Amino acid sequence: MATTRRRRIYLRGSAAEFFDDPTLLLHEYFHVLKQWEPGLLTVRHYFLEWLRHGYWRNRFEIEARDFATAHFLHFRALLARAKSRTGAADESRPA
């Protein structure tokens, strides 16, 4: 669970849990870089949207969920590739 502000992601749990959840990471990344930074998302805008539509039908949340869904497979592949490179580098080091 997390909440965002301009240039910030505030975590309820640990950073390790956050980084282990690529969907949540992408979702919160979208809020910060694509909504807060250009000024589309503000506390006032979010609150008004939440009052009108609740959480699930809130346009800011819909956009973030759609972004996370659209980019999840590619992001997961990038993470796997980076992990395999790191693992290969670790195995080649002398003990």
C-alpha atoms as a PDB file:
ATOM      1  CA  MET A   1       0.000   0.000   0.000  1.00  0.00           C
ATOM      2  CA  ALA A   2       1.287   3.453  -0.871  1.00  0.00           C
ATOM      3  CA  THR A   3       0.258   7.032  -1.466  1.00  0.00           C
ATOM      4  CA  THR A   4       1.928   9.607  -3.666  1.00  0.00           C
ATOM      5  CA  ARG A   5       2.678  13.275  -3.823  1.00  0.00           C
ATOM      6  CA  ARG A   6       4.804  15.272  -6.250  1.00  0.00           C
ATOM      7  CA  ARG A   7       8.180  13.504  -6.530  1.00  0.00           C
ATOM      8  CA  ARG A   8       7.329  11.170  -3.613  1.00  0.00           C
ATOM      9  CA  ILE A   9       5.949   7.712  -2.954  1.00  0.00           C
ATOM     10  CA  TYR A  10       5.045   7.131   0.690  1.00  0.00           C
ATOM     11  CA  LEU A  11       4.964   3.467   1.667  1.00  0.00           C
ATOM     12  CA  ARG A  12       2.832   1.875   4.343  1.00  0.00           C
ATOM     13  CA  GLY A  13       4.911  -1.331   4.304  1.00  0.00           C
ATOM     14  CA  SER A  14       8.581  -1.955   3.709  1.00  0.00           C
ATOM     15  CA  ALA A  15      10.539  -0.887   0.636  1.00  0.00           C
ATOM     16  CA  ALA A  16      11.352  -4.559  -0.017  1.00  0.00           C
ATOM     17  CA  GLU A  17       7.635  -5.405  -0.222  1.00  0.00           C
ATOM     18  CA  PHE A  18       7.067  -2.461  -2.551  1.00  0.00           C
ATOM     19  CA  PHE A  19       9.897  -3.419  -4.909  1.00  0.00           C
ATOM     20  CA  ASP A  20       8.708  -7.042  -4.910  1.00  0.00           C
ATOM     21  CA  ASP A  21       5.351  -5.930  -6.353  1.00  0.00           C
ATOM     22  CA  PRO A  22       5.977  -4.690  -9.922  1.00  0.00           C
ATOM     23  CA  THR A  23       2.309  -3.852 -10.485  1.00  0.00           C
ATOM     24  CA  LEU A  24       2.168  -1.571  -7.448  1.00  0.00           C
ATOM     25  CA  LEU A  25       5.514  -0.030  -8.355  1.00  0.00           C
ATOM     26  CA  LEU A  26       4.302   0.802 -11.879  1.00  0.00           C
ATOM     27  CA  HIS A  27       0.970   2.087 -10.530  1.00  0.00           C
ATOM     28  CA  GLU A  28       2.626   4.505  -8.092  1.00  0.00           C
ATOM     29  CA  TYR A  29       5.298   5.464 -10.630  1.00  0.00           C
ATOM     30  CA  PHE A  30       2.509   6.535 -12.990  1.00  0.00           C
ATOM     31  CA  HIS A  31       0.876   8.706 -10.316  1.00  0.00           C
ATOM     32  CA  VAL A  32       4.137  10.520  -9.599  1.00  0.00           C
ATOM     33  CA  LEU A  33       5.601  10.983 -13.077  1.00  0.00           C
ATOM     34  CA  LYS A  34       2.539  11.177 -15.295  1.00  0.00           C
ATOM     35  CA  GLN A  35      -0.015  12.824 -12.997  1.00  0.00           C
ATOM     36  CA  TRP A  36       1.669  14.788 -10.183  1.00  0.00           C
ATOM     37  CA  GLU A  37       4.635  16.134 -12.145  1.00  0.00           C
ATOM     38  CA  PRO A  38       2.642  17.726 -14.990  1.00  0.00           C
ATOM     39  CA  GLY A  39       0.156  19.090 -12.431  1.00  0.00           C
ATOM     40  CA  LEU A  40      -2.791  16.945 -13.515  1.00  0.00           C
ATOM     41  CA  LEU A  41      -3.086  15.421 -10.045  1.00  0.00           C
ATOM     42  CA  THR A  42      -3.386  17.556  -6.940  1.00  0.00           C
ATOM     43  CA  VAL A  43      -4.788  16.766  -3.518  1.00  0.00           C
ATOM     44  CA  ARG A  44      -7.855  18.851  -4.370  1.00  0.00           C
ATOM     45  CA  HIS A  45      -8.396  17.168  -7.759  1.00  0.00           C
ATOM     46  CA  TYR A  46      -7.964  13.708  -6.256  1.00  0.00           C
ATOM     47  CA  PHE A  47     -10.332  14.424  -3.370  1.00  0.00           C
ATOM     48  CA  LEU A  48     -13.042  15.784  -5.671  1.00  0.00           C
ATOM     49  CA  GLU A  49     -12.682  12.790  -7.992  1.00  0.00           C
ATOM     50  CA  TRP A  50     -12.842  10.446  -5.003  1.00  0.00           C
ATOM     51  CA  LEU A  51     -16.015  12.147  -3.704  1.00  0.00           C
ATOM     52  CA  ARG A  52     -17.693  11.838  -7.114  1.00  0.00           C
ATOM     53  CA  HIS A  53     -16.576   8.329  -8.066  1.00  0.00           C
ATOM     54  CA  GLY A  54     -14.930   6.601  -5.099  1.00  0.00           C
ATOM     55  CA  TYR A  55     -11.591   4.840  -5.345  1.00  0.00           C
ATOM     56  CA  TRP A  56     -12.169   2.242  -8.081  1.00  0.00           C
ATOM     57  CA  ARG A  57     -13.929   4.558 -10.536  1.00  0.00           C
ATOM     58  CA  ASN A  58     -11.633   7.500  -9.817  1.00  0.00           C
ATOM     59  CA  ARG A  59      -9.998   8.509 -13.135  1.00  0.00           C
ATOM     60  CA  PHE A  60      -6.559   8.903 -11.540  1.00  0.00           C
ATOM     61  CA  GLU A  61      -6.684   5.330 -10.248  1.00  0.00           C
ATOM     62  CA  ILE A  62      -8.089   3.966 -13.502  1.00  0.00           C
ATOM     63  CA  GLU A  63      -5.261   5.583 -15.479  1.00  0.00           C
ATOM     64  CA  ALA A  64      -2.636   4.231 -13.068  1.00  0.00           C
ATOM     65  CA  ARG A  65      -4.118   0.705 -13.139  1.00  0.00           C
ATOM     66  CA  ASP A  66      -4.292   0.773 -16.934  1.00  0.00           C
ATOM     67  CA  PHE A  67      -0.659   1.901 -17.158  1.00  0.00           C
ATOM     68  CA  ALA A  68       0.494  -0.822 -14.748  1.00  0.00           C
ATOM     69  CA  THR A  69      -1.433  -3.482 -16.666  1.00  0.00           C
ATOM     70  CA  ALA A  70      -0.155  -2.299 -20.051  1.00  0.00           C
ATOM     71  CA  HIS A  71       3.501  -2.258 -18.956  1.00  0.00           C
ATOM     72  CA  PHE A  72       3.652  -5.146 -16.483  1.00  0.00           C
ATOM     73  CA  LEU A  73       4.914  -7.892 -18.806  1.00  0.00           C
ATOM     74  CA  HIS A  74       7.621  -5.714 -20.341  1.00  0.00           C
ATOM     75  CA  PHE A  75       8.731  -4.450 -16.931  1.00  0.00           C
ATOM     76  CA  ARG A  76       8.830  -7.975 -15.508  1.00  0.00           C
ATOM     77  CA  ALA A  77      10.975  -9.094 -18.465  1.00  0.00           C
ATOM     78  CA  LEU A  78      13.388  -6.200 -17.861  1.00  0.00           C
ATOM     79  CA  LEU A  79      13.641  -7.131 -14.184  1.00  0.00           C
ATOM     80  CA  ALA A  80      14.309 -10.774 -15.050  1.00  0.00           C
ATOM     81  CA  ARG A  81      16.995  -9.788 -17.549  1.00  0.00           C
ATOM     82  CA  ALA A  82      18.675  -7.507 -15.012  1.00  0.00           C
ATOM     83  CA  LYS A  83      18.496 -10.211 -12.365  1.00  0.00           C
ATOM     84  CA  SER A  84      20.031 -12.821 -14.680  1.00  0.00           C
ATOM     85  CA  ARG A  85      22.884 -10.445 -15.560  1.00  0.00           C
ATOM     86  CA  THR A  86      23.522  -9.703 -11.915  1.00  0.00           C
ATOM     87  CA  GLY A  87      23.436 -13.399 -11.075  1.00  0.00           C
ATOM     88  CA  ALA A  88      25.840 -14.218 -13.907  1.00  0.00           C
ATOM     89  CA  ALA A  89      28.213 -11.491 -12.741  1.00  0.00           C
ATOM     90  CA  ASP A  90      28.067 -12.750  -9.141  1.00  0.00           C
ATOM     91  CA  GLU A  91      28.836 -16.329 -10.232  1.00  0.00           C
ATOM     92  CA  SER A  92      31.893 -15.240 -12.245  1.00  0.00           C
ATOM     93  CA  ARG A  93      33.517 -13.509  -9.285  1.00  0.00           C
ATOM     94  CA  PRO A  94      36.150 -15.491  -7.401  1.00  0.00           C
ATOM     95  CA  ALA A  95      35.201 -16.534  -3.884  1.00  0.00           C
END
